[in-house]
Amino acid sequence: YTFSSYCMGWFRQAPGKEREGVAAIDSDGVTS
């Protein structure tokens, strides 16, 4: 896919816990 136009994120999941959003970056480089 066209990587540069997509939002990308990192998520994590520990045993017994729900998936958690860790960090994300949009197509303009804005991070969360």
ModelCIF file with pLDDT and N, C-alpha, C, O atoms, coordinates in Angstrom:
data_MODEL
#
_entry.id   MODEL 
#
_entity.id                         1 
_entity.type                       polymer 
_entity.pdbx_number_of_molecules   1 
#
_entity_poly.entity_id                      1 
_entity_poly.type                           'polypeptide(L)' 
_entity_poly.nstd_linkage                   no 
_entity_poly.nstd_monomer                   no 
_entity_poly.pdbx_seq_one_letter_code       YTFSSYCMGWFRQAPGKEREGVAAIDSDGVTS 
_entity_poly.pdbx_seq_one_letter_code_can   YTFSSYCMGWFRQAPGKEREGVAAIDSDGVTS 
_entity_poly.pdbx_strand_id                 A 
#
loop_
_entity_poly_seq.entity_id 
_entity_poly_seq.num 
_entity_poly_seq.mon_id 
_entity_poly_seq.hetero 
1 1  TYR n 
1 2  THR n 
1 3  PHE n 
1 4  SER n 
1 5  SER n 
1 6  TYR n 
1 7  CYS n 
1 8  MET n 
1 9  GLY n 
1 10 TRP n 
1 11 PHE n 
1 12 ARG n 
1 13 GLN n 
1 14 ALA n 
1 15 PRO n 
1 16 GLY n 
1 17 LYS n 
1 18 GLU n 
1 19 ARG n 
1 20 GLU n 
1 21 GLY n 
1 22 VAL n 
1 23 ALA n 
1 24 ALA n 
1 25 ILE n 
1 26 ASP n 
1 27 SER n 
1 28 ASP n 
1 29 GLY n 
1 30 VAL n 
1 31 THR n 
1 32 SER n 
#
_struct_asym.id          A 
_struct_asym.entity_id   1 
#
loop_
_ma_qa_metric.id 
_ma_qa_metric.mode 
_ma_qa_metric.name 
_ma_qa_metric.software_group_id 
_ma_qa_metric.type 
1 global pLDDT . pLDDT 
2 local  pLDDT . pLDDT 
#
_ma_qa_metric_global.metric_id      1 
_ma_qa_metric_global.metric_value   94.44 
_ma_qa_metric_global.model_id       1 
_ma_qa_metric_global.ordinal_id     1 
#
loop_
_ma_qa_metric_local.label_asym_id 
_ma_qa_metric_local.label_comp_id 
_ma_qa_metric_local.label_seq_id 
_ma_qa_metric_local.metric_id 
_ma_qa_metric_local.metric_value 
_ma_qa_metric_local.model_id 
_ma_qa_metric_local.ordinal_id 
A TYR 1  2 85.00 1 1  
A THR 2  2 86.00 1 2  
A PHE 3  2 86.00 1 3  
A SER 4  2 87.00 1 4  
A SER 5  2 89.00 1 5  
A TYR 6  2 92.00 1 6  
A CYS 7  2 95.00 1 7  
A MET 8  2 96.00 1 8  
A GLY 9  2 97.00 1 9  
A TRP 10 2 98.00 1 10 
A PHE 11 2 98.00 1 11 
A ARG 12 2 98.00 1 12 
A GLN 13 2 98.00 1 13 
A ALA 14 2 97.00 1 14 
A PRO 15 2 92.00 1 15 
A GLY 16 2 94.00 1 16 
A LYS 17 2 95.00 1 17 
A GLU 18 2 96.00 1 18 
A ARG 19 2 96.00 1 19 
A GLU 20 2 97.00 1 20 
A GLY 21 2 97.00 1 21 
A VAL 22 2 98.00 1 22 
A ALA 23 2 98.00 1 23 
A ALA 24 2 97.00 1 24 
A ILE 25 2 97.00 1 25 
A ASP 26 2 95.00 1 26 
A SER 27 2 92.00 1 27 
A ASP 28 2 92.00 1 28 
A GLY 29 2 94.00 1 29 
A VAL 30 2 96.00 1 30 
A THR 31 2 97.00 1 31 
A SER 32 2 97.00 1 32 
#
loop_
_atom_site.group_PDB 
_atom_site.id 
_atom_site.type_symbol 
_atom_site.label_atom_id 
_atom_site.label_alt_id 
_atom_site.label_comp_id 
_atom_site.label_asym_id 
_atom_site.label_entity_id 
_atom_site.label_seq_id 
_atom_site.pdbx_PDB_ins_code 
_atom_site.Cartn_x 
_atom_site.Cartn_y 
_atom_site.Cartn_z 
_atom_site.occupancy 
_atom_site.B_iso_or_equiv 
_atom_site.pdbx_formal_charge 
_atom_site.auth_seq_id 
_atom_site.auth_comp_id 
_atom_site.auth_asym_id 
_atom_site.auth_atom_id 
_atom_site.pdbx_PDB_model_num 
ATOM 1   N N  . TYR A 1 1  ? 0.836  -1.193  0.000  1.00 85.00 ? 1  TYR A N  1 
ATOM 2   C CA . TYR A 1 1  ? 0.000  0.000   0.000  1.00 85.00 ? 1  TYR A CA 1 
ATOM 3   C C  . TYR A 1 1  ? 0.871  1.243   0.000  1.00 85.00 ? 1  TYR A C  1 
ATOM 4   O O  . TYR A 1 1  ? 2.090  1.167   0.152  1.00 85.00 ? 1  TYR A O  1 
ATOM 5   N N  . THR A 1 2  ? 0.220  2.397   -0.175 1.00 86.00 ? 2  THR A N  1 
ATOM 6   C CA . THR A 1 2  ? 0.953  3.659   -0.181 1.00 86.00 ? 2  THR A CA 1 
ATOM 7   C C  . THR A 1 2  ? 1.223  4.074   1.255  1.00 86.00 ? 2  THR A C  1 
ATOM 8   O O  . THR A 1 2  ? 0.413  4.755   1.884  1.00 86.00 ? 2  THR A O  1 
ATOM 9   N N  . PHE A 1 3  ? 2.358  3.659   1.756  1.00 86.00 ? 3  PHE A N  1 
ATOM 10  C CA . PHE A 1 3  ? 2.715  3.827   3.160  1.00 86.00 ? 3  PHE A CA 1 
ATOM 11  C C  . PHE A 1 3  ? 2.583  5.270   3.634  1.00 86.00 ? 3  PHE A C  1 
ATOM 12  O O  . PHE A 1 3  ? 2.042  5.524   4.710  1.00 86.00 ? 3  PHE A O  1 
ATOM 13  N N  . SER A 1 4  ? 3.070  6.203   2.843  1.00 87.00 ? 4  SER A N  1 
ATOM 14  C CA . SER A 1 4  ? 3.135  7.593   3.278  1.00 87.00 ? 4  SER A CA 1 
ATOM 15  C C  . SER A 1 4  ? 1.767  8.222   3.508  1.00 87.00 ? 4  SER A C  1 
ATOM 16  O O  . SER A 1 4  ? 1.669  9.219   4.222  1.00 87.00 ? 4  SER A O  1 
ATOM 17  N N  . SER A 1 5  ? 0.718  7.672   2.928  1.00 89.00 ? 5  SER A N  1 
ATOM 18  C CA . SER A 1 5  ? -0.618 8.240   3.050  1.00 89.00 ? 5  SER A CA 1 
ATOM 19  C C  . SER A 1 5  ? -1.433 7.617   4.177  1.00 89.00 ? 5  SER A C  1 
ATOM 20  O O  . SER A 1 5  ? -2.580 8.011   4.386  1.00 89.00 ? 5  SER A O  1 
ATOM 21  N N  . TYR A 1 6  ? -0.878 6.666   4.903  1.00 92.00 ? 6  TYR A N  1 
ATOM 22  C CA . TYR A 1 6  ? -1.592 5.953   5.950  1.00 92.00 ? 6  TYR A CA 1 
ATOM 23  C C  . TYR A 1 6  ? -1.199 6.414   7.344  1.00 92.00 ? 6  TYR A C  1 
ATOM 24  O O  . TYR A 1 6  ? -0.067 6.829   7.594  1.00 92.00 ? 6  TYR A O  1 
ATOM 25  N N  . CYS A 1 7  ? -2.168 6.326   8.237  1.00 95.00 ? 7  CYS A N  1 
ATOM 26  C CA . CYS A 1 7  ? -1.876 6.446   9.653  1.00 95.00 ? 7  CYS A CA 1 
ATOM 27  C C  . CYS A 1 7  ? -1.305 5.122   10.145 1.00 95.00 ? 7  CYS A C  1 
ATOM 28  O O  . CYS A 1 7  ? -1.743 4.051   9.723  1.00 95.00 ? 7  CYS A O  1 
ATOM 29  N N  . MET A 1 8  ? -0.333 5.203   11.032 1.00 96.00 ? 8  MET A N  1 
ATOM 30  C CA . MET A 1 8  ? 0.317  4.017   11.566 1.00 96.00 ? 8  MET A CA 1 
ATOM 31  C C  . MET A 1 8  ? 0.308  4.075   13.088 1.00 96.00 ? 8  MET A C  1 
ATOM 32  O O  . MET A 1 8  ? 0.421  5.148   13.681 1.00 96.00 ? 8  MET A O  1 
ATOM 33  N N  . GLY A 1 9  ? 0.172  2.920   13.706 1.00 97.00 ? 9  GLY A N  1 
ATOM 34  C CA . GLY A 1 9  ? 0.135  2.889   15.153 1.00 97.00 ? 9  GLY A CA 1 
ATOM 35  C C  . GLY A 1 9  ? 0.827  1.672   15.731 1.00 97.00 ? 9  GLY A C  1 
ATOM 36  O O  . GLY A 1 9  ? 1.005  0.654   15.064 1.00 97.00 ? 9  GLY A O  1 
ATOM 37  N N  . TRP A 1 10 ? 1.210  1.805   16.987 1.00 98.00 ? 10 TRP A N  1 
ATOM 38  C CA . TRP A 1 10 ? 1.720  0.690   17.775 1.00 98.00 ? 10 TRP A CA 1 
ATOM 39  C C  . TRP A 1 10 ? 0.744  0.407   18.906 1.00 98.00 ? 10 TRP A C  1 
ATOM 40  O O  . TRP A 1 10 ? 0.296  1.319   19.600 1.00 98.00 ? 10 TRP A O  1 
ATOM 41  N N  . PHE A 1 11 ? 0.424  -0.861  19.078 1.00 98.00 ? 11 PHE A N  1 
ATOM 42  C CA . PHE A 1 11 ? -0.461 -1.317  20.130 1.00 98.00 ? 11 PHE A CA 1 
ATOM 43  C C  . PHE A 1 11 ? 0.221  -2.437  20.892 1.00 98.00 ? 11 PHE A C  1 
ATOM 44  O O  . PHE A 1 11 ? 1.150  -3.067  20.389 1.00 98.00 ? 11 PHE A O  1 
ATOM 45  N N  . ARG A 1 12 ? -0.243 -2.679  22.102 1.00 98.00 ? 12 ARG A N  1 
ATOM 46  C CA . ARG A 1 12 ? 0.326  -3.767  22.879 1.00 98.00 ? 12 ARG A CA 1 
ATOM 47  C C  . ARG A 1 12 ? -0.764 -4.470  23.677 1.00 98.00 ? 12 ARG A C  1 
ATOM 48  O O  . ARG A 1 12 ? -1.799 -3.889  24.004 1.00 98.00 ? 12 ARG A O  1 
ATOM 49  N N  . GLN A 1 13 ? -0.502 -5.724  23.977 1.00 98.00 ? 13 GLN A N  1 
ATOM 50  C CA . GLN A 1 13 ? -1.434 -6.504  24.764 1.00 98.00 ? 13 GLN A CA 1 
ATOM 51  C C  . GLN A 1 13 ? -0.664 -7.436  25.686 1.00 98.00 ? 13 GLN A C  1 
ATOM 52  O O  . GLN A 1 13 ? 0.121  -8.270  25.236 1.00 98.00 ? 13 GLN A O  1 
ATOM 53  N N  . ALA A 1 14 ? -0.899 -7.281  26.970 1.00 97.00 ? 14 ALA A N  1 
ATOM 54  C CA . ALA A 1 14 ? -0.304 -8.137  27.979 1.00 97.00 ? 14 ALA A CA 1 
ATOM 55  C C  . ALA A 1 14 ? -1.299 -9.228  28.353 1.00 97.00 ? 14 ALA A C  1 
ATOM 56  O O  . ALA A 1 14 ? -2.504 -9.046  28.173 1.00 97.00 ? 14 ALA A O  1 
ATOM 57  N N  . PRO A 1 15 ? -0.822 -10.353 28.868 1.00 92.00 ? 15 PRO A N  1 
ATOM 58  C CA . PRO A 1 15 ? -1.731 -11.428 29.261 1.00 92.00 ? 15 PRO A CA 1 
ATOM 59  C C  . PRO A 1 15 ? -2.792 -10.950 30.240 1.00 92.00 ? 15 PRO A C  1 
ATOM 60  O O  . PRO A 1 15 ? -2.478 -10.299 31.236 1.00 92.00 ? 15 PRO A O  1 
ATOM 61  N N  . GLY A 1 16 ? -4.046 -11.274 29.954 1.00 94.00 ? 16 GLY A N  1 
ATOM 62  C CA . GLY A 1 16 ? -5.141 -10.903 30.822 1.00 94.00 ? 16 GLY A CA 1 
ATOM 63  C C  . GLY A 1 16 ? -5.607 -9.473  30.704 1.00 94.00 ? 16 GLY A C  1 
ATOM 64  O O  . GLY A 1 16 ? -6.495 -9.053  31.446 1.00 94.00 ? 16 GLY A O  1 
ATOM 65  N N  . LYS A 1 17 ? -5.034 -8.714  29.794 1.00 95.00 ? 17 LYS A N  1 
ATOM 66  C CA . LYS A 1 17 ? -5.414 -7.320  29.633 1.00 95.00 ? 17 LYS A CA 1 
ATOM 67  C C  . LYS A 1 17 ? -5.888 -7.043  28.207 1.00 95.00 ? 17 LYS A C  1 
ATOM 68  O O  . LYS A 1 17 ? -5.577 -7.788  27.277 1.00 95.00 ? 17 LYS A O  1 
ATOM 69  N N  . GLU A 1 18 ? -6.641 -5.966  28.055 1.00 96.00 ? 18 GLU A N  1 
ATOM 70  C CA . GLU A 1 18 ? -7.111 -5.566  26.746 1.00 96.00 ? 18 GLU A CA 1 
ATOM 71  C C  . GLU A 1 18 ? -5.987 -4.935  25.943 1.00 96.00 ? 18 GLU A C  1 
ATOM 72  O O  . GLU A 1 18 ? -4.999 -4.451  26.495 1.00 96.00 ? 18 GLU A O  1 
ATOM 73  N N  . ARG A 1 19 ? -6.158 -4.951  24.637 1.00 96.00 ? 19 ARG A N  1 
ATOM 74  C CA . ARG A 1 19 ? -5.209 -4.291  23.755 1.00 96.00 ? 19 ARG A CA 1 
ATOM 75  C C  . ARG A 1 19 ? -5.198 -2.799  24.049 1.00 96.00 ? 19 ARG A C  1 
ATOM 76  O O  . ARG A 1 19 ? -6.248 -2.182  24.232 1.00 96.00 ? 19 ARG A O  1 
ATOM 77  N N  . GLU A 1 20 ? -4.007 -2.232  24.093 1.00 97.00 ? 20 GLU A N  1 
ATOM 78  C CA . GLU A 1 20 ? -3.817 -0.840  24.456 1.00 97.00 ? 20 GLU A CA 1 
ATOM 79  C C  . GLU A 1 20 ? -3.081 -0.097  23.352 1.00 97.00 ? 20 GLU A C  1 
ATOM 80  O O  . GLU A 1 20 ? -2.059 -0.566  22.852 1.00 97.00 ? 20 GLU A O  1 
ATOM 81  N N  . GLY A 1 21 ? -3.602 1.058   22.975 1.00 97.00 ? 21 GLY A N  1 
ATOM 82  C CA . GLY A 1 21 ? -2.898 1.905   22.038 1.00 97.00 ? 21 GLY A CA 1 
ATOM 83  C C  . GLY A 1 21 ? -1.691 2.538   22.708 1.00 97.00 ? 21 GLY A C  1 
ATOM 84  O O  . GLY A 1 21 ? -1.813 3.103   23.795 1.00 97.00 ? 21 GLY A O  1 
ATOM 85  N N  . VAL A 1 22 ? -0.542 2.451   22.083 1.00 98.00 ? 22 VAL A N  1 
ATOM 86  C CA . VAL A 1 22 ? 0.706  2.953   22.644 1.00 98.00 ? 22 VAL A CA 1 
ATOM 87  C C  . VAL A 1 22 ? 1.110  4.274   22.013 1.00 98.00 ? 22 VAL A C  1 
ATOM 88  O O  . VAL A 1 22 ? 1.369  5.254   22.711 1.00 98.00 ? 22 VAL A O  1 
ATOM 89  N N  . ALA A 1 23 ? 1.162  4.293   20.697 1.00 98.00 ? 23 ALA A N  1 
ATOM 90  C CA . ALA A 1 23 ? 1.585  5.479   19.973 1.00 98.00 ? 23 ALA A CA 1 
ATOM 91  C C  . ALA A 1 23 ? 1.073  5.401   18.552 1.00 98.00 ? 23 ALA A C  1 
ATOM 92  O O  . ALA A 1 23 ? 0.844  4.312   18.026 1.00 98.00 ? 23 ALA A O  1 
ATOM 93  N N  . ALA A 1 24 ? 0.893  6.556   17.928 1.00 97.00 ? 24 ALA A N  1 
ATOM 94  C CA . ALA A 1 24 ? 0.431  6.599   16.551 1.00 97.00 ? 24 ALA A CA 1 
ATOM 95  C C  . ALA A 1 24 ? 1.016  7.808   15.854 1.00 97.00 ? 24 ALA A C  1 
ATOM 96  O O  . ALA A 1 24 ? 1.418  8.783   16.490 1.00 97.00 ? 24 ALA A O  1 
ATOM 97  N N  . ILE A 1 25 ? 1.057  7.727   14.538 1.00 97.00 ? 25 ILE A N  1 
ATOM 98  C CA . ILE A 1 25 ? 1.562  8.827   13.730 1.00 97.00 ? 25 ILE A CA 1 
ATOM 99  C C  . ILE A 1 25 ? 0.738  8.888   12.449 1.00 97.00 ? 25 ILE A C  1 
ATOM 100 O O  . ILE A 1 25 ? 0.520  7.867   11.797 1.00 97.00 ? 25 ILE A O  1 
ATOM 101 N N  . ASP A 1 26 ? 0.284  10.081  12.091 1.00 95.00 ? 26 ASP A N  1 
ATOM 102 C CA . ASP A 1 26 ? -0.541 10.200  10.910 1.00 95.00 ? 26 ASP A CA 1 
ATOM 103 C C  . ASP A 1 26 ? 0.303  10.502  9.678  1.00 95.00 ? 26 ASP A C  1 
ATOM 104 O O  . ASP A 1 26 ? 1.532  10.545  9.749  1.00 95.00 ? 26 ASP A O  1 
ATOM 105 N N  . SER A 1 27 ? -0.364 10.709  8.556  1.00 92.00 ? 27 SER A N  1 
ATOM 106 C CA . SER A 1 27 ? 0.340  10.905  7.297  1.00 92.00 ? 27 SER A CA 1 
ATOM 107 C C  . SER A 1 27 ? 1.128  12.207  7.245  1.00 92.00 ? 27 SER A C  1 
ATOM 108 O O  . SER A 1 27 ? 2.012  12.365  6.403  1.00 92.00 ? 27 SER A O  1 
ATOM 109 N N  . ASP A 1 28 ? 0.811  13.141  8.140  1.00 92.00 ? 28 ASP A N  1 
ATOM 110 C CA . ASP A 1 28 ? 1.541  14.402  8.217  1.00 92.00 ? 28 ASP A CA 1 
ATOM 111 C C  . ASP A 1 28 ? 2.647  14.380  9.265  1.00 92.00 ? 28 ASP A C  1 
ATOM 112 O O  . ASP A 1 28 ? 3.355  15.371  9.444  1.00 92.00 ? 28 ASP A O  1 
ATOM 113 N N  . GLY A 1 29 ? 2.796  13.265  9.950  1.00 94.00 ? 29 GLY A N  1 
ATOM 114 C CA . GLY A 1 29 ? 3.822  13.154  10.970 1.00 94.00 ? 29 GLY A CA 1 
ATOM 115 C C  . GLY A 1 29 ? 3.390  13.586  12.354 1.00 94.00 ? 29 GLY A C  1 
ATOM 116 O O  . GLY A 1 29 ? 4.220  13.654  13.260 1.00 94.00 ? 29 GLY A O  1 
ATOM 117 N N  . VAL A 1 30 ? 2.105  13.880  12.543 1.00 96.00 ? 30 VAL A N  1 
ATOM 118 C CA . VAL A 1 30 ? 1.596  14.242  13.856 1.00 96.00 ? 30 VAL A CA 1 
ATOM 119 C C  . VAL A 1 30 ? 1.498  12.989  14.714 1.00 96.00 ? 30 VAL A C  1 
ATOM 120 O O  . VAL A 1 30 ? 0.965  11.971  14.270 1.00 96.00 ? 30 VAL A O  1 
ATOM 121 N N  . THR A 1 31 ? 2.005  13.055  15.932 1.00 97.00 ? 31 THR A N  1 
ATOM 122 C CA . THR A 1 31 ? 2.083  11.882  16.795 1.00 97.00 ? 31 THR A CA 1 
ATOM 123 C C  . THR A 1 31 ? 1.141  11.983  17.981 1.00 97.00 ? 31 THR A C  1 
ATOM 124 O O  . THR A 1 31 ? 0.723  13.072  18.377 1.00 97.00 ? 31 THR A O  1 
ATOM 125 N N  . SER A 1 32 ? 0.817  10.826  18.538 1.00 97.00 ? 32 SER A N  1 
ATOM 126 C CA . SER A 1 32 ? 0.000  10.732  19.732 1.00 97.00 ? 32 SER A CA 1 
ATOM 127 C C  . SER A 1 32 ? 0.531  9.584   20.574 1.00 97.00 ? 32 SER A C  1 
ATOM 128 O O  . SER A 1 32 ? -0.005 9.306   21.647 1.00 97.00 ? 32 SER A O  1 
#
